[in-house]
């Protein structure tokens, strides 16, 4: 539904936050009840690298209705390839706030699925408080283990019974992308959106990098400083590896599959 480019074989939709909100408005107006739910993935350098290692994850991103660039390096690459209108990243927390503001005016119905224990419920309470007009129709945190088929069917039943317009999915990548790709045909809702860390950022459970760092591609440095033991591999290994593969792709020395 939108223009896109492929970076290391992984789709990046050439959209900005207002474009995503407009798409969401269109999907909700249509109700998307004659086919699978639309789903939106938010991806960054780490997501692209995970897609290199797991073909199922690459398929989940490439088949998404929108695969929005949640990292400035992807925006820079898209601009270098001709997408001059790509000025900013589609930052998950900002996308969430923009959708909440639109939902406040339009009476959208939200369902929250994911996060650590109690986080989805806290997020739901904050949305009710800050955006009166948004209808929060459900919030739950699944167990960390894989669900049984019966448990998964019950999750789908609860979500469908609540009739949300948007299911916000906060399972972290690549798990949330795989979950949305698998559940889009099972859920009678207009849209699923994976926002991962926004489940923690919005309630203030985890601090965000200063805006100037986020706007200049330095958020990784802040997050590495804040959580070095958890994130060192993501940034100190995958970032240089990404740069090397991108050089090979740019020089035409390596081709990357898209499916």
Protein backbone atom coordinates (compact mmCIF):
# COMPACT_ATOMS: atom_id res chain seq x y z
CA UNK A 1 0.00 0.00 0.00
CA UNK A 2 3.04 2.27 0.25
CA UNK A 3 6.34 2.75 -1.51
CA UNK A 4 9.19 0.84 0.03
CA UNK A 5 12.84 -0.02 -0.37
CA UNK A 6 14.68 -3.14 0.69
CA UNK A 7 17.75 -3.00 2.90
CA UNK A 8 19.64 -6.31 3.02
CA UNK A 9 16.48 -7.90 1.63
CA UNK A 10 14.27 -6.49 4.40
CA UNK A 11 11.39 -4.17 3.53
CA UNK A 12 11.35 -0.60 4.80
CA UNK A 13 8.19 1.37 4.06
CA UNK A 14 8.85 4.94 2.96
CA UNK A 15 6.43 6.57 5.36
CA UNK A 16 6.39 9.07 8.17
CA UNK A 17 4.21 9.10 11.30
CA UNK A 18 1.29 11.04 9.71
CA UNK A 19 1.21 8.49 6.89
CA UNK A 20 0.93 5.62 9.36
CA UNK A 21 -1.88 7.33 11.27
CA UNK A 22 -3.70 7.99 7.97
CA UNK A 23 -3.35 4.31 7.03
CA UNK A 24 -4.67 3.33 10.44
CA UNK A 25 -7.66 5.63 9.99
CA UNK A 26 -8.40 4.03 6.62
CA UNK A 27 -8.13 0.48 7.95
CA UNK A 28 -10.43 1.24 10.86
CA UNK A 29 -12.97 2.93 8.58
CA UNK A 30 -13.01 -0.21 6.44
CA UNK A 31 -13.03 -2.43 9.55
CA UNK A 32 -10.78 -4.91 7.72
CA UNK A 33 -13.35 -7.58 8.56
CA UNK A 34 -13.30 -9.26 5.16
CA UNK A 35 -9.70 -10.46 5.39
CA UNK A 36 -6.64 -10.68 7.65
CA UNK A 37 -5.87 -7.83 10.01
CA UNK A 38 -3.38 -5.31 8.71
CA UNK A 39 -0.18 -5.34 10.70
CA UNK A 40 2.62 -2.83 11.18
CA UNK A 41 6.15 -3.71 12.22
CA UNK A 42 8.63 -1.18 13.56
CA UNK A 43 12.13 -2.15 12.52
CA UNK A 44 15.67 -0.91 12.99
CA UNK A 45 19.22 -2.13 12.35
CA UNK A 46 18.83 -4.91 14.90
CA UNK A 47 15.56 -6.03 13.29
CA UNK A 48 17.20 -6.13 9.87
CA UNK A 49 20.03 -8.22 11.26
CA UNK A 50 17.65 -10.61 13.01
CA UNK A 51 15.85 -11.01 9.69
CA UNK A 52 19.19 -12.09 8.17
CA UNK A 53 19.41 -14.96 10.62
CA UNK A 54 15.78 -16.08 10.62
CA UNK A 55 13.98 -16.41 7.26
CA UNK A 56 10.59 -16.60 9.06
CA UNK A 57 11.29 -13.20 10.61
CA UNK A 58 12.29 -11.74 7.24
CA UNK A 59 9.02 -13.04 5.76
CA UNK A 60 7.04 -11.54 8.66
CA UNK A 61 8.57 -8.11 8.01
CA UNK A 62 8.33 -8.28 4.22
CA UNK A 63 4.68 -9.36 4.30
CA UNK A 64 3.64 -6.64 6.75
CA UNK A 65 1.28 -3.95 5.47
CA UNK A 66 3.82 -1.43 6.75
CA UNK A 67 7.40 -2.01 7.92
CA UNK A 68 8.25 1.40 9.32
CA UNK A 69 11.82 2.63 9.99
CA UNK A 70 12.22 2.95 13.76
CA UNK A 71 15.93 3.70 13.44
CA UNK A 72 17.71 6.69 11.94
CA UNK A 73 20.25 4.60 9.96
CA UNK A 74 17.36 3.14 7.94
CA UNK A 75 16.06 6.66 7.28
CA UNK A 76 19.52 7.80 6.12
CA UNK A 77 19.82 4.83 3.78
CA UNK A 78 16.33 5.39 2.36
CA UNK A 79 17.16 9.06 1.71
CA UNK A 80 20.44 8.11 0.04
CA UNK A 81 18.43 5.84 -2.25
CA UNK A 82 16.14 8.65 -3.33
CA UNK A 83 13.42 8.98 -0.68
CA UNK A 84 14.04 12.65 0.02
CA UNK A 85 10.81 13.04 1.99
CA UNK A 86 12.12 10.71 4.70
CA UNK A 87 13.18 13.27 7.28
CA UNK A 88 12.55 11.46 10.54
CA UNK A 89 12.25 7.95 11.93
CA UNK A 90 8.89 6.45 12.79
CA UNK A 91 9.75 6.25 16.47
CA UNK A 92 7.48 3.76 18.23
CA UNK A 93 6.58 5.91 21.27
CA UNK A 94 5.86 8.94 19.05
CA UNK A 95 3.73 6.83 16.72
CA UNK A 96 1.83 5.55 19.74
CA UNK A 97 1.18 9.09 21.01
CA UNK A 98 0.06 10.27 17.57
CA UNK A 99 -2.36 7.33 17.31
CA UNK A 100 -3.66 8.03 20.81
CA UNK A 101 -4.36 11.64 19.85
CA UNK A 102 -6.18 10.52 16.70
CA UNK A 103 -8.01 7.89 18.73
CA UNK A 104 -9.10 10.48 21.27
CA UNK A 105 -10.85 12.46 18.54
CA UNK A 106 -12.32 9.45 16.76
CA UNK A 107 -13.19 7.19 19.67
CA UNK A 108 -10.89 4.34 18.63
CA UNK A 109 -10.85 1.13 20.63
CA UNK A 110 -7.45 -0.12 21.86
CA UNK A 111 -6.28 -3.48 23.18
CA UNK A 112 -2.83 -3.96 24.76
CA UNK A 113 -1.06 -7.29 24.50
CA UNK A 114 2.42 -7.81 25.92
CA UNK A 115 4.92 -6.20 28.25
CA UNK A 116 6.15 -7.39 31.61
CA UNK A 117 3.68 -8.33 34.33
CA UNK A 118 1.28 -5.45 34.95
CA UNK A 119 2.78 -3.16 32.31
CA UNK A 120 -0.09 -3.50 29.82
CA UNK A 121 -2.59 -2.66 32.55
CA UNK A 122 -0.55 0.37 33.62
CA UNK A 123 -0.30 1.52 30.03
CA UNK A 124 -4.06 1.13 29.62
CA UNK A 125 -4.71 3.23 32.73
CA UNK A 126 -2.41 6.01 31.51
CA UNK A 127 -4.08 6.10 28.09
CA UNK A 128 -7.51 6.40 29.72
CA UNK A 129 -6.19 9.26 31.85
CA UNK A 130 -4.29 11.21 29.19
CA UNK A 131 -6.50 10.59 26.17
CA UNK A 132 -10.14 10.64 27.24
CA UNK A 133 -12.13 9.47 24.24
CA UNK A 134 -9.88 6.48 23.53
CA UNK A 135 -11.72 3.32 24.55
CA UNK A 136 -9.42 0.74 26.13
CA UNK A 137 -11.18 -2.58 25.74
CA UNK A 138 -8.51 -4.97 27.00
CA UNK A 139 -5.02 -5.33 28.40
CA UNK A 140 -3.12 -8.53 29.12
CA UNK A 141 0.38 -9.88 29.51
CA UNK A 142 0.93 -13.40 28.18
CA UNK A 143 3.23 -15.78 30.05
CA UNK A 144 6.85 -15.75 28.93
CA UNK A 145 6.63 -19.39 27.83
CA UNK A 146 5.00 -20.43 24.53
CA UNK A 147 1.22 -20.73 24.77
CA UNK A 148 -0.51 -24.03 24.22
CA UNK A 149 -2.88 -24.19 21.21
CA UNK A 150 -5.86 -23.96 23.56
CA UNK A 151 -4.40 -20.95 25.37
CA UNK A 152 -3.64 -19.23 22.08
CA UNK A 153 -7.16 -19.88 20.81
CA UNK A 154 -8.50 -18.33 24.02
CA UNK A 155 -6.36 -15.23 23.49
CA UNK A 156 -7.81 -14.85 19.99
CA UNK A 157 -11.32 -15.34 21.36
CA UNK A 158 -10.84 -12.62 24.00
CA UNK A 159 -9.40 -10.13 21.51
CA UNK A 160 -12.12 -10.76 18.94
CA UNK A 161 -14.83 -10.52 21.60
CA UNK A 162 -13.49 -7.10 22.69
CA UNK A 163 -13.74 -5.78 19.09
CA UNK A 164 -10.74 -3.43 19.24
CA UNK A 165 -9.75 -1.18 16.37
CA UNK A 166 -6.06 -1.54 17.18
CA UNK A 167 -4.17 -4.24 19.06
CA UNK A 168 -0.90 -2.82 20.36
CA UNK A 169 1.65 -5.64 20.63
CA UNK A 170 4.62 -5.31 22.97
CA UNK A 171 6.45 -8.64 22.89
CA UNK A 172 9.83 -7.36 21.73
CA UNK A 173 11.51 -8.25 18.47
CA UNK A 174 11.50 -10.54 16.65
CA UNK A 175 8.79 -12.24 18.72
CA UNK A 176 6.14 -9.55 18.17
CA UNK A 177 6.65 -9.53 14.39
CA UNK A 178 6.27 -13.30 14.20
CA UNK A 179 3.21 -13.14 16.47
CA UNK A 180 1.49 -10.54 14.30
CA UNK A 181 2.24 -12.40 11.07
CA UNK A 182 0.81 -15.59 12.58
CA UNK A 183 -2.26 -13.99 14.19
CA UNK A 184 -3.31 -11.50 11.51
CA UNK A 185 -5.51 -14.15 9.79
CA UNK A 186 -7.01 -15.20 13.14
CA UNK A 187 -8.08 -11.83 14.47
CA UNK A 188 -11.14 -9.94 13.28
CA UNK A 189 -9.65 -6.51 13.95
CA UNK A 190 -8.52 -3.71 11.62
CA UNK A 191 -4.89 -3.43 12.72
CA UNK A 192 -2.07 -4.86 14.80
CA UNK A 193 0.92 -2.65 15.60
CA UNK A 194 4.15 -3.83 17.23
CA UNK A 195 5.70 -1.13 19.39
CA UNK A 196 7.94 -3.18 21.70
CA UNK A 197 9.81 -0.88 24.08
CA UNK A 198 7.07 1.78 23.96
CA UNK A 199 5.21 -0.39 26.47
CA UNK A 200 7.99 0.53 28.91
CA UNK A 201 8.84 4.03 27.66
CA UNK A 202 5.33 5.51 27.75
CA UNK A 203 4.66 4.76 31.45
CA UNK A 204 8.21 5.84 32.32
CA UNK A 205 9.27 2.35 33.38
CA UNK A 206 12.40 2.68 31.22
CA UNK A 207 14.04 6.04 30.47
CA UNK A 208 14.35 7.28 26.90
CA UNK A 209 17.39 8.86 25.35
CA UNK A 210 17.30 12.67 25.09
CA UNK A 211 15.53 13.88 21.97
CA UNK A 212 18.73 15.22 20.37
CA UNK A 213 20.29 11.76 20.61
CA UNK A 214 17.19 10.09 19.16
CA UNK A 215 17.12 12.52 16.24
CA UNK A 216 20.80 12.06 15.36
CA UNK A 217 21.06 8.29 15.44
CA UNK A 218 22.70 8.14 18.87
CA UNK A 219 19.95 6.43 20.85
CA UNK A 220 21.92 3.18 20.72
CA UNK A 221 24.72 4.82 22.70
CA UNK A 222 22.34 5.91 25.45
CA UNK A 223 20.68 2.51 25.64
CA UNK A 224 24.04 0.75 25.69
CA UNK A 225 25.12 2.96 28.58
CA UNK A 226 21.83 2.29 30.42
CA UNK A 227 21.76 -1.50 29.87
CA UNK A 228 25.25 -2.66 28.85
CA UNK A 229 24.92 -6.30 29.92
CA UNK A 230 21.70 -6.83 27.99
CA UNK A 231 22.44 -4.78 24.88
CA UNK A 232 26.21 -4.96 24.25
CA UNK A 233 25.89 -7.71 21.66
CA UNK A 234 23.11 -5.89 19.80
CA UNK A 235 25.12 -2.72 19.31
CA UNK A 236 28.78 -3.71 19.39
CA UNK A 237 28.46 -6.78 17.17
CA UNK A 238 25.36 -6.33 15.02
CA UNK A 239 25.91 -2.65 14.14
CA UNK A 240 29.38 -3.19 12.57
CA UNK A 241 28.13 -6.38 10.91
CA UNK A 242 25.22 -4.42 9.43
CA UNK A 243 27.60 -1.76 8.09
CA UNK A 244 29.76 -4.44 6.43
CA UNK A 245 26.80 -6.16 4.76
CA UNK A 246 25.41 -2.81 3.63
CA UNK A 247 28.75 -2.01 1.97
CA UNK A 248 28.68 -5.34 0.14
CA UNK A 249 25.10 -4.71 -1.00
CA UNK A 250 25.86 -1.15 -2.12
CA UNK A 251 28.86 -2.30 -4.16
CA UNK A 252 26.80 -5.07 -5.74
CA UNK A 253 29.01 -7.77 -4.25
CA UNK A 254 26.23 -9.56 -2.40
CA UNK A 255 22.52 -10.00 -3.00
CA UNK A 256 20.03 -10.62 -0.21
CA UNK A 257 16.82 -12.68 -0.53
CA UNK A 258 13.52 -10.95 0.18
CA UNK A 259 11.59 -14.12 1.04
